[in-house]
Amino acid sequence: MKQSNICPKCQSSDVIRIPAFKGTSTSSLIQLTKWGTKFTFFERYICTSCGFIEHYAILDEKGWQKWLDEQKETGSLDSNFV
């Protein structure tokens, strides 16, 4: 939906973007570590016809890049933490 603005579920073009809220709320944060010490933000794309939602991490955030680099260095990208 992010690129095409078309819902993959119902093919509707009634898609809205909800930008990441970077305030004090945790509603737009993705926890990257088991203990919640690293986060990154995400934005949402919502189909207003069927309610399908996609979430996209904002990959240019410093927290995301630092975490990703650490995971690559230690070979820990295939973790069982969900």
N, C-alpha and C. Protein backbone atom coordinates (compact mmCIF):
# COMPACT_ATOMS: atom_id res chain seq x y z
N MET A 1 0.82 -1.19 0.00
CA MET A 1 0.00 0.00 0.00
C MET A 1 0.86 1.26 0.00
N LYS A 2 2.03 1.16 0.57
CA LYS A 2 2.89 2.33 0.69
C LYS A 2 3.27 2.89 -0.68
N GLN A 3 3.62 2.02 -1.61
CA GLN A 3 4.05 2.47 -2.93
C GLN A 3 2.89 2.69 -3.89
N SER A 4 1.93 1.77 -3.87
CA SER A 4 0.88 1.81 -4.89
C SER A 4 -0.37 2.58 -4.46
N ASN A 5 -0.55 2.77 -3.17
CA ASN A 5 -1.76 3.38 -2.62
C ASN A 5 -3.01 2.54 -2.96
N ILE A 6 -2.79 1.24 -3.17
CA ILE A 6 -3.87 0.29 -3.45
C ILE A 6 -3.83 -0.79 -2.39
N CYS A 7 -4.98 -1.12 -1.83
CA CYS A 7 -5.06 -2.17 -0.81
C CYS A 7 -4.84 -3.53 -1.45
N PRO A 8 -3.91 -4.33 -0.94
CA PRO A 8 -3.65 -5.66 -1.52
C PRO A 8 -4.77 -6.65 -1.21
N LYS A 9 -5.59 -6.35 -0.24
CA LYS A 9 -6.67 -7.27 0.15
C LYS A 9 -7.93 -7.06 -0.69
N CYS A 10 -8.37 -5.80 -0.84
CA CYS A 10 -9.64 -5.54 -1.53
C CYS A 10 -9.48 -4.72 -2.81
N GLN A 11 -8.26 -4.31 -3.13
CA GLN A 11 -7.93 -3.54 -4.33
C GLN A 11 -8.50 -2.12 -4.33
N SER A 12 -8.94 -1.63 -3.19
CA SER A 12 -9.47 -0.27 -3.09
C SER A 12 -8.32 0.74 -3.10
N SER A 13 -8.60 1.92 -3.61
CA SER A 13 -7.62 3.00 -3.58
C SER A 13 -7.89 3.97 -2.43
N ASP A 14 -8.79 3.59 -1.54
CA ASP A 14 -9.11 4.42 -0.37
C ASP A 14 -8.15 4.11 0.77
N VAL A 15 -6.91 4.53 0.59
CA VAL A 15 -5.84 4.25 1.55
C VAL A 15 -5.38 5.57 2.16
N ILE A 16 -5.25 5.57 3.49
CA ILE A 16 -4.74 6.76 4.16
C ILE A 16 -3.43 6.40 4.87
N ARG A 17 -2.59 7.41 5.03
CA ARG A 17 -1.31 7.24 5.73
C ARG A 17 -1.41 7.92 7.08
N ILE A 18 -1.03 7.20 8.13
CA ILE A 18 -0.96 7.75 9.47
C ILE A 18 0.53 7.88 9.81
N PRO A 19 1.07 9.09 9.83
CA PRO A 19 2.50 9.24 10.10
C PRO A 19 2.85 8.84 11.52
N ALA A 20 4.09 8.52 11.72
CA ALA A 20 4.58 8.15 13.05
C ALA A 20 4.44 9.33 14.00
N PHE A 21 3.94 9.06 15.17
CA PHE A 21 3.86 10.08 16.21
C PHE A 21 5.12 9.96 17.04
N LYS A 22 5.95 10.98 17.03
CA LYS A 22 7.24 10.92 17.70
C LYS A 22 7.25 11.67 19.02
N GLY A 23 6.11 11.77 19.65
CA GLY A 23 6.02 12.44 20.95
C GLY A 23 6.29 11.47 22.08
N THR A 24 5.63 11.68 23.20
CA THR A 24 5.87 10.85 24.38
C THR A 24 5.08 9.55 24.37
N SER A 25 4.13 9.42 23.47
CA SER A 25 3.33 8.20 23.38
C SER A 25 4.14 7.07 22.76
N THR A 26 3.83 5.85 23.12
CA THR A 26 4.52 4.69 22.53
C THR A 26 3.69 4.06 21.41
N SER A 27 2.66 4.74 20.94
CA SER A 27 1.76 4.16 19.94
C SER A 27 2.41 3.95 18.58
N SER A 28 3.51 4.61 18.29
CA SER A 28 4.19 4.45 17.00
C SER A 28 5.61 3.92 17.17
N LEU A 29 5.85 3.18 18.24
CA LEU A 29 7.18 2.64 18.48
C LEU A 29 7.21 1.14 18.26
N ILE A 30 8.31 0.66 17.74
CA ILE A 30 8.57 -0.77 17.63
C ILE A 30 9.71 -1.08 18.58
N GLN A 31 9.47 -2.01 19.45
CA GLN A 31 10.51 -2.43 20.40
C GLN A 31 11.48 -3.35 19.66
N LEU A 32 12.76 -3.01 19.67
CA LEU A 32 13.76 -3.78 18.94
C LEU A 32 14.50 -4.78 19.81
N THR A 33 14.51 -4.55 21.12
CA THR A 33 15.24 -5.43 22.02
C THR A 33 14.31 -6.08 23.02
N LYS A 34 14.73 -7.19 23.53
CA LYS A 34 13.92 -7.95 24.48
C LYS A 34 13.54 -7.13 25.70
N TRP A 35 14.45 -6.32 26.18
CA TRP A 35 14.20 -5.56 27.40
C TRP A 35 13.68 -4.15 27.13
N GLY A 36 13.40 -3.84 25.88
CA GLY A 36 12.81 -2.55 25.56
C GLY A 36 13.74 -1.37 25.67
N THR A 37 15.02 -1.60 25.43
CA THR A 37 15.98 -0.50 25.55
C THR A 37 16.21 0.22 24.22
N LYS A 38 15.79 -0.38 23.10
CA LYS A 38 15.94 0.26 21.80
C LYS A 38 14.62 0.19 21.05
N PHE A 39 14.29 1.30 20.41
CA PHE A 39 13.04 1.41 19.67
C PHE A 39 13.29 2.09 18.33
N THR A 40 12.34 1.95 17.42
CA THR A 40 12.28 2.77 16.23
C THR A 40 10.81 3.09 15.99
N PHE A 41 10.55 4.03 15.13
CA PHE A 41 9.18 4.45 14.86
C PHE A 41 8.64 3.74 13.62
N PHE A 42 7.31 3.72 13.51
CA PHE A 42 6.69 3.18 12.30
C PHE A 42 5.50 4.04 11.91
N GLU A 43 5.17 3.99 10.62
CA GLU A 43 3.98 4.66 10.11
C GLU A 43 3.00 3.60 9.64
N ARG A 44 1.74 3.98 9.57
CA ARG A 44 0.68 3.04 9.20
C ARG A 44 0.02 3.47 7.89
N TYR A 45 -0.40 2.47 7.13
CA TYR A 45 -1.23 2.69 5.95
C TYR A 45 -2.49 1.86 6.17
N ILE A 46 -3.65 2.52 6.09
CA ILE A 46 -4.92 1.87 6.41
C ILE A 46 -5.87 1.99 5.24
N CYS A 47 -6.46 0.87 4.86
CA CYS A 47 -7.51 0.86 3.84
C CYS A 47 -8.82 1.23 4.53
N THR A 48 -9.44 2.31 4.08
CA THR A 48 -10.69 2.74 4.71
C THR A 48 -11.89 1.96 4.19
N SER A 49 -11.67 1.09 3.22
CA SER A 49 -12.77 0.25 2.72
C SER A 49 -12.91 -1.05 3.50
N CYS A 50 -11.77 -1.73 3.75
CA CYS A 50 -11.85 -3.04 4.41
C CYS A 50 -11.16 -3.08 5.78
N GLY A 51 -10.37 -2.05 6.10
CA GLY A 51 -9.71 -2.00 7.40
C GLY A 51 -8.34 -2.65 7.44
N PHE A 52 -7.84 -3.13 6.32
CA PHE A 52 -6.51 -3.74 6.28
C PHE A 52 -5.46 -2.70 6.63
N ILE A 53 -4.46 -3.09 7.44
CA ILE A 53 -3.43 -2.16 7.90
C ILE A 53 -2.05 -2.73 7.59
N GLU A 54 -1.16 -1.87 7.12
CA GLU A 54 0.26 -2.22 6.99
C GLU A 54 1.06 -1.25 7.82
N HIS A 55 2.11 -1.77 8.47
CA HIS A 55 3.01 -0.96 9.29
C HIS A 55 4.39 -0.98 8.62
N TYR A 56 5.04 0.18 8.58
CA TYR A 56 6.37 0.27 8.00
C TYR A 56 7.31 0.95 8.98
N ALA A 57 8.40 0.29 9.29
CA ALA A 57 9.42 0.90 10.14
C ALA A 57 10.09 2.03 9.38
N ILE A 58 10.39 3.10 10.08
CA ILE A 58 11.10 4.21 9.47
C ILE A 58 12.59 3.89 9.59
N LEU A 59 13.14 3.43 8.50
CA LEU A 59 14.48 2.86 8.51
C LEU A 59 15.60 3.88 8.65
N ASP A 60 15.30 5.15 8.46
CA ASP A 60 16.37 6.15 8.59
C ASP A 60 16.49 6.68 10.01
N GLU A 61 15.72 6.14 10.94
CA GLU A 61 15.84 6.53 12.35
C GLU A 61 17.19 6.03 12.90
N LYS A 62 17.85 6.85 13.71
CA LYS A 62 19.15 6.48 14.26
C LYS A 62 19.09 5.20 15.10
N GLY A 63 18.04 5.05 15.90
CA GLY A 63 17.92 3.86 16.74
C GLY A 63 17.85 2.58 15.92
N TRP A 64 17.12 2.63 14.83
CA TRP A 64 16.98 1.46 13.96
C TRP A 64 18.32 1.11 13.34
N GLN A 65 19.01 2.08 12.77
CA GLN A 65 20.28 1.81 12.10
C GLN A 65 21.33 1.30 13.08
N LYS A 66 21.39 1.87 14.26
CA LYS A 66 22.36 1.42 15.26
C LYS A 66 22.08 -0.02 15.66
N TRP A 67 20.81 -0.33 15.91
CA TRP A 67 20.43 -1.69 16.29
C TRP A 67 20.74 -2.67 15.16
N LEU A 68 20.40 -2.31 13.94
CA LEU A 68 20.64 -3.18 12.80
C LEU A 68 22.13 -3.45 12.61
N ASP A 69 22.94 -2.41 12.74
CA ASP A 69 24.39 -2.57 12.60
C ASP A 69 24.94 -3.51 13.68
N GLU A 70 24.45 -3.36 14.92
CA GLU A 70 24.88 -4.24 16.01
C GLU A 70 24.48 -5.69 15.74
N GLN A 71 23.28 -5.88 15.23
CA GLN A 71 22.81 -7.24 14.93
C GLN A 71 23.64 -7.88 13.83
N LYS A 72 23.98 -7.10 12.82
CA LYS A 72 24.81 -7.62 11.73
C LYS A 72 26.20 -8.00 12.23
N GLU A 73 26.77 -7.17 13.09
CA GLU A 73 28.11 -7.44 13.62
C GLU A 73 28.15 -8.72 14.44
N THR A 74 27.11 -8.96 15.22
CA THR A 74 27.10 -10.13 16.10
C THR A 74 26.43 -11.35 15.45
N GLY A 75 25.88 -11.18 14.26
CA GLY A 75 25.21 -12.29 13.59
C GLY A 75 23.90 -12.68 14.27
N SER A 76 23.24 -11.72 14.88
CA SER A 76 22.04 -12.01 15.67
C SER A 76 20.73 -11.64 14.97
N LEU A 77 20.75 -11.45 13.68
CA LEU A 77 19.53 -11.02 12.99
C LEU A 77 18.45 -12.09 13.00
N ASP A 78 18.79 -13.33 13.11
CA ASP A 78 17.80 -14.41 13.13
C ASP A 78 17.46 -14.73 14.58
N SER A 79 16.83 -13.78 15.26
CA SER A 79 16.56 -13.99 16.69
C SER A 79 15.17 -14.60 16.86
N ASN A 80 14.93 -15.16 18.01
CA ASN A 80 13.62 -15.75 18.29
C ASN A 80 12.75 -14.78 19.09
N PHE A 81 13.23 -13.56 19.29
CA PHE A 81 12.43 -12.56 20.00
C PHE A 81 11.44 -11.96 19.02
N VAL A 82 10.18 -11.97 19.39
CA VAL A 82 9.14 -11.40 18.54
C VAL A 82 8.42 -10.35 19.33
